Amino acid sequence: MHSSLMGLVAAAAAVVATAVPRPPHSHAVAGTGAVKCPLVFDGRVKAATELSDFDSYGTSLFNPDYVKGQSLKWSDIIKFPASAGSARFDDAAQHKPFEVTISDSSIFQTQKGFRRAGLQFQGDTNNDSPATKGIKTIHFSVKWDAQRALNLSHEYLNVWHEAADYSANQFNFEAGAILGQSGLARDTWKVLDRKNKQIWSTPILKTDWQNFAITLDFNKNTLQVYYSKGDDALKSVTSAVSNDNSGGGQYQIGILKKPTGTSDVVNAGYQESRLNEGLIYGSLFIEDSASACISL
């Protein structure tokens, strides 16, 4: 090849290689659905992972200390469902689904009104997190567990982003009876904005994986929701709606079950005893959606 042409080819390759910088956590993975964008946090559990791996900083993808019952380890909380199948962005040869459960012991600190177990990505710091800058998309798939069914007469937070001062959540992905909003259907997955206004919902399916993505634009203060079921490609189900994404904070993935019968939901209210509830998760990751990049 002529030397000048070779130089042009090399220069073009360099531009392509540097056009979308990939942070250290990034790697594209082929599976039922392929991740197309740089990864900020990868919460897809490796196929060889043991329950005890969730208890150590050296082996867990998540913070082993938060947010859970004080007497519990994550290996007491997490289950590996045998027959859930693979979620859309999980490669069955590399990843496996996991289930977050709650019990009577799922009391965090002194919050006796709640039953909660919320995973936080390692590195997702309460202040100045890399996942609260620019444009980021959190992906997750959920599957109902009939053996540990949620009681939809309660309100459940299942994926949410809590501001650094704990005063509000920038968004909530929820199920059940939303307190103070009796007009909303109970048996739906709902996305609520910072003002706790529902911006979208879909019926809870009892047999299929349901796939979600929420894009947070921290520059323009918007959020946008994507959805599909089974192995279908994600599609936008909202526009980029206005939302206050300020205040830093961290993502949580799991279950926060609110009580009934009280105005002080943190500290009081009714919760059933002998609690055994759970939700199955897969395809969990946060990607960098700069330049409108999103894995569908």
Protein backbone atom coordinates (compact mmCIF):
# COMPACT_ATOMS: atom_id res chain seq x y z
CA MET A 1 0.00 0.00 0.00
CA HIS A 2 1.26 3.51 -0.82
CA SER A 3 2.77 5.17 2.27
CA SER A 4 0.44 8.22 2.13
CA LEU A 5 -2.63 5.96 1.86
CA MET A 6 -1.40 3.89 4.77
CA GLY A 7 -1.09 7.08 6.79
CA LEU A 8 -4.67 8.06 6.02
CA VAL A 9 -5.96 4.62 7.04
CA ALA A 10 -4.03 4.73 10.30
CA ALA A 11 -5.33 8.22 11.07
CA ALA A 12 -8.92 7.16 10.37
CA ALA A 13 -8.52 4.13 12.64
CA ALA A 14 -7.21 6.34 15.41
CA VAL A 15 -10.24 8.63 15.11
CA VAL A 16 -12.62 5.67 15.33
CA ALA A 17 -10.76 4.23 18.30
CA THR A 18 -10.91 7.49 20.23
CA ALA A 19 -14.31 8.77 19.13
CA VAL A 20 -16.09 7.17 22.10
CA PRO A 21 -13.70 6.79 25.05
CA ARG A 22 -14.46 3.76 27.22
CA PRO A 23 -14.01 3.99 30.99
CA PRO A 24 -12.16 1.22 32.85
CA HIS A 25 -15.31 -0.84 33.56
CA SER A 26 -16.29 -0.94 29.89
CA HIS A 27 -16.50 -3.96 27.66
CA ALA A 28 -19.02 -4.95 25.04
CA VAL A 29 -20.73 -8.27 25.66
CA ALA A 30 -22.53 -10.39 23.11
CA GLY A 31 -25.69 -12.06 24.37
CA THR A 32 -29.38 -12.01 23.61
CA GLY A 33 -28.99 -8.25 23.46
CA ALA A 34 -25.60 -6.60 22.98
CA VAL A 35 -24.36 -3.71 25.09
CA LYS A 36 -23.46 -0.94 22.63
CA CYS A 37 -22.24 1.87 24.88
CA PRO A 38 -19.44 2.39 27.41
CA LEU A 39 -20.30 0.88 30.78
CA VAL A 40 -20.06 2.95 33.95
CA PHE A 41 -21.18 0.18 36.33
CA ASP A 42 -21.81 -3.46 35.42
CA GLY A 43 -24.17 -5.26 37.78
CA ARG A 44 -24.61 -8.41 35.69
CA VAL A 45 -23.74 -11.29 38.01
CA LYS A 46 -21.18 -13.75 36.67
CA ALA A 47 -22.28 -17.34 36.19
CA ALA A 48 -19.64 -18.63 38.64
CA THR A 49 -20.63 -16.21 41.43
CA GLU A 50 -21.34 -17.73 44.83
CA LEU A 51 -23.74 -16.19 47.36
CA SER A 52 -20.82 -15.55 49.72
CA ASP A 53 -19.22 -13.35 47.03
CA PHE A 54 -21.83 -10.69 47.79
CA ASP A 55 -20.39 -10.31 51.32
CA SER A 56 -16.93 -9.06 50.39
CA TYR A 57 -15.62 -5.89 48.75
CA GLY A 58 -13.09 -8.03 46.92
CA THR A 59 -15.66 -10.26 45.20
CA SER A 60 -18.94 -8.32 45.01
CA LEU A 61 -20.11 -5.95 42.29
CA PHE A 62 -22.04 -4.13 45.01
CA ASN A 63 -21.45 -2.51 48.37
CA PRO A 64 -21.51 -5.43 50.85
CA ASP A 65 -22.48 -3.20 53.79
CA TYR A 66 -25.55 -1.37 52.45
CA VAL A 67 -28.57 -1.18 52.39
CA LYS A 68 -29.97 -4.09 54.41
CA GLY A 69 -31.08 -5.43 57.75
CA GLN A 70 -28.34 -4.92 60.30
CA SER A 71 -28.29 -8.59 61.32
CA LEU A 72 -28.11 -9.87 57.74
CA LYS A 73 -25.39 -10.52 55.21
CA TRP A 74 -26.15 -10.25 51.50
CA SER A 75 -25.65 -14.00 51.22
CA ASP A 76 -28.73 -14.29 53.49
CA ILE A 77 -30.73 -12.03 51.19
CA ILE A 78 -29.76 -12.94 47.62
CA LYS A 79 -31.06 -16.08 45.90
CA PHE A 80 -30.13 -17.64 42.58
CA PRO A 81 -33.43 -18.75 40.95
CA ALA A 82 -32.86 -21.96 39.05
CA SER A 83 -35.52 -21.65 36.36
CA ALA A 84 -35.73 -17.92 35.60
CA GLY A 85 -33.91 -18.12 32.27
CA SER A 86 -31.76 -15.29 30.92
CA ALA A 87 -32.73 -11.64 30.72
CA ARG A 88 -32.23 -9.75 27.47
CA PHE A 89 -28.74 -8.33 28.06
CA ASP A 90 -27.42 -11.34 29.96
CA ASP A 91 -25.33 -13.93 28.16
CA ALA A 92 -26.37 -17.29 29.61
CA ALA A 93 -22.79 -18.55 29.34
CA GLN A 94 -21.46 -15.62 31.37
CA HIS A 95 -24.25 -14.29 33.59
CA LYS A 96 -27.07 -15.50 35.78
CA PRO A 97 -30.13 -13.80 37.30
CA PHE A 98 -30.34 -13.07 41.00
CA GLU A 99 -33.21 -12.43 43.38
CA VAL A 100 -33.39 -9.80 46.11
CA THR A 101 -35.58 -10.92 49.03
CA ILE A 102 -37.01 -9.34 52.17
CA SER A 103 -37.95 -10.94 55.48
CA ASP A 104 -38.96 -9.86 58.99
CA SER A 105 -35.27 -9.06 59.58
CA SER A 106 -35.07 -6.59 56.67
CA ILE A 107 -34.96 -3.52 58.89
CA PHE A 108 -32.25 -0.99 58.05
CA GLN A 109 -30.91 0.95 61.05
CA THR A 110 -33.99 2.18 62.99
CA GLN A 111 -36.37 2.35 60.01
CA LYS A 112 -38.94 -0.01 61.53
CA GLY A 113 -41.69 1.00 59.14
CA PHE A 114 -39.77 -0.21 56.08
CA ARG A 115 -38.65 -3.64 54.99
CA ARG A 116 -35.77 -3.06 52.64
CA ALA A 117 -32.79 -4.53 50.82
CA GLY A 118 -31.20 -2.20 48.27
CA LEU A 119 -28.04 -3.04 46.33
CA GLN A 120 -25.63 -0.20 45.52
CA PHE A 121 -22.95 -0.49 42.84
CA GLN A 122 -19.42 -0.43 44.21
CA GLY A 123 -17.99 2.95 43.20
CA ASP A 124 -21.37 4.68 43.07
CA THR A 125 -20.43 7.22 45.72
CA ASN A 126 -23.02 9.40 47.42
CA ASN A 127 -21.22 12.51 46.20
CA ASP A 128 -19.54 13.02 42.84
CA SER A 129 -20.50 9.59 41.46
CA PRO A 130 -19.55 8.97 37.81
CA ALA A 131 -23.16 7.85 37.29
CA THR A 132 -24.59 11.28 38.14
CA LYS A 133 -22.84 13.29 35.43
CA GLY A 134 -23.59 13.88 31.77
CA ILE A 135 -26.15 11.45 30.33
CA LYS A 136 -26.46 8.01 31.90
CA THR A 137 -28.86 5.10 31.31
CA ILE A 138 -29.63 2.48 33.93
CA HIS A 139 -30.77 -0.88 32.50
CA PHE A 140 -32.53 -3.61 34.45
CA SER A 141 -34.84 -6.53 33.80
CA VAL A 142 -37.26 -7.95 36.37
CA LYS A 143 -39.19 -11.18 36.69
CA TRP A 144 -42.00 -12.04 39.09
CA ASP A 145 -41.46 -14.87 41.57
CA ALA A 146 -44.77 -16.56 42.35
CA GLN A 147 -43.16 -18.34 45.32
CA ARG A 148 -42.18 -15.00 46.87
CA ALA A 149 -44.88 -12.76 45.47
CA LEU A 150 -45.01 -9.08 46.36
CA ASN A 151 -48.15 -8.00 48.22
CA LEU A 152 -49.41 -5.28 45.92
CA SER A 153 -51.60 -3.72 48.61
CA HIS A 154 -48.29 -2.16 49.74
CA GLU A 155 -46.04 0.31 47.91
CA TYR A 156 -42.70 -1.07 46.65
CA LEU A 157 -39.64 0.78 45.41
CA ASN A 158 -37.60 -1.58 43.24
CA VAL A 159 -35.12 0.68 41.45
CA TRP A 160 -34.54 4.24 42.55
CA HIS A 161 -32.01 7.04 42.80
CA GLU A 162 -31.80 8.79 46.15
CA ALA A 163 -30.33 12.28 46.46
CA ALA A 164 -27.15 12.66 48.51
CA ASP A 165 -28.96 14.46 51.35
CA TYR A 166 -31.67 11.71 51.45
CA SER A 167 -34.40 14.35 51.03
CA ALA A 168 -35.84 12.99 47.76
CA ASN A 169 -35.49 10.44 44.99
CA GLN A 170 -34.79 11.70 41.49
CA PHE A 171 -36.89 8.82 40.18
CA ASN A 172 -38.64 5.69 41.45
CA PHE A 173 -39.43 2.46 39.63
CA GLU A 174 -42.29 1.06 41.69
CA ALA A 175 -45.06 -1.49 42.07
CA GLY A 176 -48.18 -1.81 44.20
CA ALA A 177 -50.43 0.74 45.89
CA ILE A 178 -48.66 4.12 45.87
CA LEU A 179 -49.43 5.88 49.14
CA GLY A 180 -51.60 8.95 48.66
CA GLN A 181 -52.29 8.09 45.00
CA SER A 182 -55.28 5.75 45.08
CA GLY A 183 -56.05 6.42 41.41
CA LEU A 184 -53.00 4.47 40.22
CA ALA A 185 -53.35 0.78 39.39
CA ARG A 186 -51.67 -1.57 41.85
CA ASP A 187 -50.66 -4.36 39.49
CA THR A 188 -48.38 -2.24 37.31
CA TRP A 189 -44.72 -1.28 37.13
CA LYS A 190 -44.59 2.50 37.39
CA VAL A 191 -41.94 5.16 36.84
CA LEU A 192 -42.39 8.23 39.04
CA ASP A 193 -40.47 11.47 38.75
CA ARG A 194 -38.90 13.50 41.57
CA LYS A 195 -42.30 14.97 42.45
CA ASN A 196 -43.73 11.42 42.76
CA LYS A 197 -45.82 11.94 39.65
CA GLN A 198 -46.32 8.82 37.52
CA ILE A 199 -44.95 9.41 34.03
CA TRP A 200 -45.47 5.89 32.67
CA SER A 201 -46.71 2.43 33.67
CA THR A 202 -47.16 -1.09 32.28
CA PRO A 203 -48.94 -4.20 33.63
CA ILE A 204 -46.87 -6.58 35.74
CA LEU A 205 -46.44 -9.84 33.84
CA LYS A 206 -46.25 -12.98 35.97
CA THR A 207 -44.31 -15.22 33.56
CA ASP A 208 -42.12 -13.06 31.27
CA TRP A 209 -39.00 -11.03 31.79
CA GLN A 210 -39.73 -7.30 31.51
CA ASN A 211 -36.87 -5.04 30.41
CA PHE A 212 -36.47 -1.39 31.34
CA ALA A 213 -34.04 1.44 30.77
CA ILE A 214 -34.17 4.93 32.25
CA THR A 215 -32.00 7.66 30.76
CA LEU A 216 -31.10 10.54 33.06
CA ASP A 217 -29.74 13.66 31.40
CA PHE A 218 -28.02 15.52 34.23
CA ASN A 219 -27.23 18.44 31.94
CA LYS A 220 -30.76 19.10 30.68
CA ASN A 221 -32.63 17.70 33.72
CA THR A 222 -34.73 15.16 31.85
CA LEU A 223 -35.52 11.47 32.10
CA GLN A 224 -36.73 9.05 29.43
CA VAL A 225 -38.10 5.51 29.78
CA TYR A 226 -37.56 2.49 27.50
CA TYR A 227 -39.33 -0.87 27.74
CA SER A 228 -39.74 -4.32 26.21
CA LYS A 229 -40.76 -7.80 27.27
CA GLY A 230 -39.04 -11.13 26.77
CA ASP A 231 -36.34 -10.91 24.12
CA ASP A 232 -37.84 -7.94 22.28
CA ALA A 233 -35.69 -4.89 21.63
CA LEU A 234 -36.23 -1.92 23.91
CA LYS A 235 -38.38 0.92 22.59
CA SER A 236 -38.87 4.43 23.90
CA VAL A 237 -42.18 4.69 25.78
CA THR A 238 -41.84 8.33 26.86
CA SER A 239 -40.21 11.42 25.49
CA ALA A 240 -37.39 13.06 27.44
CA VAL A 241 -39.58 14.60 30.15
CA SER A 242 -38.51 17.40 32.46
CA ASN A 243 -37.21 16.24 35.85
CA ASP A 244 -35.01 17.62 38.62
CA ASN A 245 -31.95 15.35 38.53
CA SER A 246 -29.83 17.52 40.83
CA GLY A 247 -28.46 16.59 44.24
CA GLY A 248 -26.07 13.72 43.53
CA GLY A 249 -26.72 10.49 45.42
CA GLN A 250 -26.79 6.78 44.63
CA TYR A 251 -28.83 4.18 42.75
CA GLN A 252 -30.48 1.33 44.65
CA ILE A 253 -31.79 -1.92 43.21
CA GLY A 254 -33.92 -4.32 45.22
CA ILE A 255 -36.95 -3.87 47.44
CA LEU A 256 -38.13 -1.14 49.75
CA LYS A 257 -41.57 -2.12 51.02
CA LYS A 258 -43.56 0.64 52.70
CA PRO A 259 -46.03 -0.08 55.53
CA THR A 260 -49.74 0.71 55.55
CA GLY A 261 -51.87 2.39 58.19
CA THR A 262 -49.56 5.26 59.15
CA SER A 263 -48.41 8.71 58.11
CA ASP A 264 -44.91 7.93 59.44
CA VAL A 265 -43.90 5.30 56.88
CA VAL A 266 -40.23 5.26 57.92
CA ASN A 267 -40.77 4.45 61.56
CA ALA A 268 -44.22 2.91 62.01
CA GLY A 269 -47.12 1.16 60.31
CA TYR A 270 -48.30 -2.34 59.46
CA GLN A 271 -46.09 -5.04 57.93
CA GLU A 272 -47.02 -8.72 57.74
CA SER A 273 -45.02 -11.20 59.82
CA ARG A 274 -43.23 -14.27 58.42
CA LEU A 275 -42.40 -12.14 55.40
CA ASN A 276 -40.90 -13.99 52.42
CA GLU A 277 -40.98 -11.83 49.30
CA GLY A 278 -38.60 -11.32 46.41
CA LEU A 279 -38.03 -10.00 42.93
CA ILE A 280 -35.73 -11.49 40.27
CA TYR A 281 -33.27 -9.20 38.46
CA GLY A 282 -31.05 -9.46 35.40
CA SER A 283 -29.42 -7.28 32.73
CA LEU A 284 -28.37 -4.74 35.35
CA PHE A 285 -25.88 -2.06 34.27
CA ILE A 286 -25.40 1.66 33.80
CA GLU A 287 -24.06 2.91 30.48
CA ASP A 288 -22.78 6.25 29.24
CA SER A 289 -25.38 7.67 26.86
CA ALA A 290 -23.36 10.61 25.59
CA SER A 291 -24.04 11.32 21.90
CA ALA A 292 -27.44 9.62 22.28
CA CYS A 293 -25.86 6.18 22.74
CA ILE A 294 -28.25 3.60 24.23
CA SER A 295 -28.36 -0.18 23.96
CA LEU A 296 -31.73 -1.30 22.65
